[in-house]
Protein backbone atom coordinates (compact mmCIF):
# COMPACT_ATOMS: atom_id res chain seq x y z
CA MET A 1 -75.14 -4.18 -93.83
CA ALA A 2 -75.42 -0.91 -94.04
CA SER A 3 -77.93 -1.04 -91.08
CA THR A 4 -75.70 -3.10 -88.95
CA SER A 5 -72.69 -0.81 -89.72
CA GLY A 6 -74.65 2.34 -88.65
CA SER A 7 -75.52 0.60 -85.31
CA ARG A 8 -72.06 -0.40 -84.61
CA SER A 9 -71.23 3.21 -85.27
CA GLU A 10 -73.91 4.60 -82.86
CA GLY A 11 -72.92 2.01 -80.41
CA VAL A 12 -69.18 3.12 -80.45
CA THR A 13 -70.37 6.69 -79.90
CA GLY A 14 -72.73 6.14 -77.06
CA ARG A 15 -69.42 4.16 -75.40
CA ILE A 16 -67.22 6.79 -76.01
CA SER A 17 -69.71 9.68 -75.06
CA ARG A 18 -70.25 7.95 -71.79
CA ALA A 19 -66.82 7.46 -70.99
CA ALA A 20 -65.90 11.15 -71.52
CA LEU A 21 -68.85 12.19 -69.39
CA THR A 22 -67.71 10.09 -66.68
CA LEU A 23 -64.20 11.67 -67.01
CA TYR A 24 -66.10 15.06 -67.10
CA SER A 25 -67.82 14.26 -63.91
CA ASP A 26 -64.56 13.11 -62.14
CA ASN A 27 -62.81 16.14 -63.32
CA GLN A 28 -65.66 18.35 -62.00
CA ASP A 29 -65.37 17.03 -58.58
CA LEU A 30 -61.42 17.46 -58.68
CA VAL A 31 -62.34 21.36 -59.48
CA THR A 32 -64.84 21.69 -56.74
CA ASP A 33 -62.22 20.06 -53.84
CA ILE A 34 -59.72 22.36 -55.37
CA ARG A 35 -61.95 25.34 -54.63
CA LYS A 36 -62.55 24.39 -51.21
CA ALA A 37 -58.97 23.95 -50.82
CA LEU A 38 -58.48 27.35 -51.89
CA SER A 39 -61.12 28.80 -49.33
CA LEU A 40 -59.47 26.74 -46.51
CA MET A 41 -56.09 28.27 -47.17
CA LYS A 42 -57.33 31.88 -47.30
CA ASP A 43 -59.03 31.27 -44.02
CA ILE A 44 -55.59 29.94 -42.74
CA ALA A 45 -54.01 32.81 -44.22
CA VAL A 46 -56.40 35.18 -42.68
CA ASP A 47 -55.35 33.64 -39.23
CA LEU A 48 -51.80 33.92 -39.20
CA GLU A 49 -51.92 37.49 -40.90
CA ARG A 50 -53.60 38.09 -37.41
CA GLN A 51 -50.50 36.79 -35.61
CA ASN A 52 -48.51 38.63 -37.70
CA GLN A 53 -47.02 35.41 -39.11
CA SER A 54 -46.10 37.37 -42.68
CA ASP A 55 -43.34 34.77 -43.38
CA LEU A 56 -45.81 32.14 -43.42
CA VAL A 57 -48.55 33.77 -45.44
CA LYS A 58 -46.21 34.64 -47.84
CA GLN A 59 -45.28 30.71 -48.22
CA LEU A 60 -49.17 29.94 -48.35
CA GLU A 61 -49.58 32.81 -50.84
CA ASP A 62 -46.91 31.06 -53.11
CA ALA A 63 -48.86 27.35 -52.71
CA VAL A 64 -52.18 29.20 -53.46
CA ALA A 65 -51.02 30.40 -56.65
CA GLU A 66 -49.45 27.03 -57.78
CA LEU A 67 -53.37 25.65 -57.01
CA VAL A 68 -54.83 28.59 -58.81
CA GLN A 69 -52.97 27.50 -61.97
CA THR A 70 -53.75 23.73 -61.65
CA HIS A 71 -57.51 24.62 -60.76
CA GLU A 72 -57.42 26.40 -64.18
CA ASP A 73 -55.89 23.48 -66.23
CA CYS A 74 -58.71 21.52 -64.49
CA LEU A 75 -61.46 23.67 -66.27
CA HIS A 76 -59.65 23.67 -69.60
CA LYS A 77 -59.34 19.60 -69.11
CA SER A 78 -63.26 19.77 -68.29
CA LEU A 79 -64.42 21.62 -71.12
CA ALA A 80 -62.03 19.64 -73.58
CA ILE A 81 -63.54 16.16 -72.60
CA LYS A 82 -67.04 17.76 -72.87
CA SER A 83 -66.17 19.01 -76.10
CA VAL A 84 -64.90 15.70 -77.36
CA ALA A 85 -67.74 13.85 -75.86
CA ASP A 86 -70.32 16.01 -77.92
CA THR A 87 -68.36 16.35 -81.16
CA TYR A 88 -66.70 12.70 -81.66
CA GLN A 89 -67.76 10.74 -84.60
CA PRO A 90 -65.72 7.27 -85.33
CA GLY A 91 -63.80 7.23 -88.64
CA THR A 92 -62.21 4.57 -90.70
CA GLU A 93 -59.21 4.46 -88.71
CA LEU A 94 -58.43 3.88 -84.74
CA THR A 95 -58.52 6.97 -82.98
CA ASP A 96 -55.67 8.60 -80.68
CA PHE A 97 -57.95 9.88 -77.73
CA GLN A 98 -54.68 11.19 -76.04
CA LYS A 99 -53.80 13.06 -79.07
CA LEU A 100 -57.41 14.35 -79.58
CA LEU A 101 -57.80 15.33 -75.88
CA GLU A 102 -54.60 17.32 -76.02
CA ALA A 103 -55.53 18.87 -79.04
CA GLU A 104 -58.89 19.88 -77.66
CA PHE A 105 -57.38 20.91 -74.57
CA GLU A 106 -54.84 23.39 -76.43
CA LYS A 107 -57.84 24.71 -78.35
CA VAL A 108 -59.84 25.43 -75.39
CA LYS A 109 -56.68 27.03 -73.33
CA ALA A 110 -55.96 29.56 -76.23
CA SER A 111 -59.61 30.69 -76.62
CA SER A 112 -60.38 30.79 -72.92
CA SER A 113 -60.70 33.85 -70.95
CA SER A 114 -60.12 31.95 -67.68
CA SER A 115 -57.24 34.26 -66.70
CA SER A 116 -59.56 36.75 -65.32
CA GLN A 117 -61.06 33.98 -63.08
CA LYS A 118 -57.55 33.20 -62.27
CA ASN A 119 -56.69 36.68 -61.31
CA THR A 120 -59.98 36.97 -59.21
CA LEU A 121 -58.85 33.94 -57.16
CA MET A 122 -55.77 35.58 -56.35
CA HIS A 123 -57.06 38.61 -55.88
CA HIS A 124 -59.66 37.61 -53.15
CA PHE A 125 -56.88 35.84 -51.37
CA ARG A 126 -54.64 38.69 -50.91
CA GLN A 127 -57.68 41.06 -50.13
CA ALA A 128 -58.92 38.78 -47.50
CA VAL A 129 -55.03 39.08 -45.89
CA TRP A 130 -55.08 42.75 -46.75
CA ASN A 131 -58.40 43.37 -44.84
CA VAL A 132 -56.81 41.75 -41.42
CA HIS A 133 -55.12 45.09 -40.87
CA HIS A 134 -56.34 47.17 -43.53
CA GLU A 135 -60.05 46.80 -43.59
CA GLY A 136 -61.83 49.55 -46.04
CA GLN A 137 -58.40 50.59 -47.43
CA PRO A 138 -57.71 49.82 -51.17
CA MET A 139 -54.43 47.44 -51.74
CA PRO A 140 -51.64 49.14 -52.96
CA GLY A 141 -51.87 49.89 -56.99
CA GLU A 142 -55.71 49.97 -57.21
CA GLU A 143 -58.74 52.23 -56.58
CA GLN A 144 -61.59 51.10 -54.48
CA GLU A 145 -64.04 51.99 -57.22
CA ASP A 146 -62.50 49.99 -59.94
CA ILE A 147 -62.82 46.84 -58.11
CA ILE A 148 -66.05 44.83 -58.52
CA MET A 149 -66.49 42.21 -55.64
CA THR A 150 -69.17 39.55 -54.67
CA SER A 151 -69.05 37.82 -51.29
CA THR A 152 -69.15 34.58 -53.45
CA GLU A 153 -66.05 35.01 -54.93
CA SER A 154 -67.13 33.61 -58.27
CA ASN A 155 -68.71 34.43 -61.99
CA ILE A 156 -72.14 34.72 -61.01
CA ARG A 157 -73.75 37.19 -63.26
CA ASN A 158 -77.34 36.97 -62.46
CA LEU A 159 -79.15 36.08 -59.45
CA ASN A 160 -82.79 34.83 -60.93
CA CYS A 161 -83.50 32.83 -63.81
CA PRO A 162 -84.49 35.26 -66.20
CA ILE A 163 -87.30 32.70 -67.65
CA THR A 164 -88.65 31.51 -64.30
CA GLY A 165 -87.75 34.11 -61.89
CA LYS A 166 -86.56 31.77 -59.51
CA PRO A 167 -83.23 32.67 -57.36
CA ILE A 168 -80.52 30.64 -58.80
CA ASP A 169 -80.20 28.67 -55.27
CA GLU A 170 -83.94 27.43 -55.57
CA LEU A 171 -83.32 26.32 -59.27
CA THR A 172 -84.17 22.31 -59.87
CA GLU A 173 -81.29 22.02 -62.69
CA PRO A 174 -79.21 24.95 -62.97
CA VAL A 175 -77.31 25.34 -65.98
CA ARG A 176 -75.13 28.49 -67.51
CA SER A 177 -74.30 29.58 -71.04
CA LEU A 178 -70.65 28.98 -71.82
CA ASP A 179 -70.64 32.54 -73.67
CA CYS A 180 -72.28 34.73 -71.46
CA LYS A 181 -72.05 33.17 -68.18
CA HIS A 182 -75.83 33.66 -67.35
CA ILE A 183 -77.60 31.23 -65.30
CA TYR A 184 -81.05 29.75 -65.96
CA GLU A 185 -83.42 26.73 -64.93
CA LYS A 186 -82.42 24.19 -67.44
CA ARG A 187 -85.82 23.07 -68.74
CA ALA A 188 -86.76 26.64 -69.13
CA ILE A 189 -84.18 27.62 -70.99
CA LEU A 190 -84.05 24.57 -73.54
CA ASP A 191 -87.67 25.24 -74.15
CA HIS A 192 -86.83 28.67 -74.89
CA ILE A 193 -84.33 27.99 -77.30
CA LYS A 194 -86.21 25.25 -78.85
CA SER A 195 -89.21 27.32 -79.56
CA ASN A 196 -87.07 30.04 -81.33
CA ARG A 197 -85.81 27.35 -83.77
CA GLY A 198 -82.37 26.54 -81.99
CA SER A 199 -80.85 29.78 -81.61
CA VAL A 200 -82.18 32.96 -79.46
CA LYS A 201 -81.06 35.83 -77.98
CA CYS A 202 -80.05 35.61 -73.97
CA PRO A 203 -83.03 36.48 -72.32
CA VAL A 204 -81.32 38.49 -69.40
CA SER A 205 -81.68 42.26 -70.24
CA ALA A 206 -78.80 44.04 -72.20
CA CYS A 207 -77.09 40.83 -73.00
CA PRO A 208 -76.27 40.56 -76.41
CA LYS A 209 -75.17 36.79 -76.71
CA MET A 210 -77.19 34.27 -78.63
CA LEU A 211 -77.63 31.04 -77.18
CA GLN A 212 -77.47 27.25 -78.39
CA ALA A 213 -78.32 24.16 -76.74
CA SER A 214 -74.83 22.90 -76.74
CA LYS A 215 -73.64 25.87 -75.17
CA VAL A 216 -75.79 25.88 -72.06
CA THR A 217 -74.53 23.48 -69.46
CA CYS A 218 -73.92 22.46 -66.08
CA ASP A 219 -70.24 23.92 -66.44
CA PRO A 220 -67.49 22.32 -63.45
CA LEU A 221 -68.23 25.25 -61.04
CA LEU A 222 -71.45 26.32 -61.33
CA ALA A 223 -73.01 23.89 -58.57
CA PHE A 224 -70.17 25.18 -55.96
CA GLU A 225 -70.60 28.80 -56.99
CA ILE A 226 -74.24 28.70 -56.39
CA LYS A 227 -73.51 26.73 -53.08
CA GLU A 228 -71.39 29.64 -51.88
CA TYR A 229 -73.75 32.31 -52.72
CA SER A 230 -76.79 30.65 -50.90
CA MET A 231 -74.20 30.43 -47.82
CA SER A 232 -73.22 33.92 -48.29
CA ARG A 233 -77.22 34.87 -48.60
CA GLN A 234 -78.03 32.75 -45.65
CA THR A 235 -75.35 34.76 -43.63
CA ALA A 236 -75.34 38.16 -44.82
CA GLY A 237 -78.11 38.64 -46.98
CA THR A 238 -78.14 39.51 -50.66
CA GLU A 239 -77.41 43.41 -50.32
CA GLY A 240 -73.57 42.57 -50.65
CA ILE A 241 -73.65 40.98 -53.76
CA GLU A 242 -74.49 42.60 -57.01
CA ASP A 243 -76.53 41.37 -60.17
CA LEU A 244 -73.82 42.36 -62.71
CA THR A 245 -76.49 42.55 -65.66
CA GLU A 246 -78.02 45.46 -63.86
CA MET A 247 -74.88 47.61 -63.81
CA GLU A 248 -74.86 50.74 -66.15
CA GLY A 249 -72.67 49.61 -69.07
CA TYR A 250 -72.81 46.04 -68.43
CA ASP A 251 -70.20 44.59 -70.61
CA GLU A 252 -70.54 40.40 -71.12
CA ASN A 253 -66.98 40.23 -71.43
């Protein structure tokens, strides 16, 4: 009887996990579509600014701000769904999955640092519009040396896997640490973690974060950001892209 009960429990957990991962994948596709829409809206705003259509640019900026907020919410929901998929265990009572997901969503939102990502997306939009008539000049209220820009408009922090040495756009299965945001080849980093008994310091030089297999994943934006980076490298070369881990005083936050 115990064996039958255990098998049933494992079956329920497996079905819930598969359903959650399907939702995660669908939400990941939505996040990617939003990023594509934001990129398109930025290009339209630049064209409008060239035509001195400032009122239309302002309207478009307001729409971008709303879409950026939706983008942030989708990121939080993706992480909440994945967390439920990774940790759910059936109990003696029926589970209210809506309540469970909402609670996890609020937890992820409270602990998230994605406000910096949100600010970065808005900054890139405004910077592109500003550059139409003020190329090379800092925007009002900021100094040029205080801005760290990458041509990928993303959170990419390293350009090569620290274990295999391969460029990130040549990795077979790229994954990223949820803690320090560094990117690795999946099999290489998982083997590295396993060989160090399940917990090891990030192999990127100067990064103090500890890695665990459960927190190394293909997050919602990774594939899209690597594609952006690859496209920018093809058109402009790598000289315009900074590897943030090589900067003096590197801060993983």
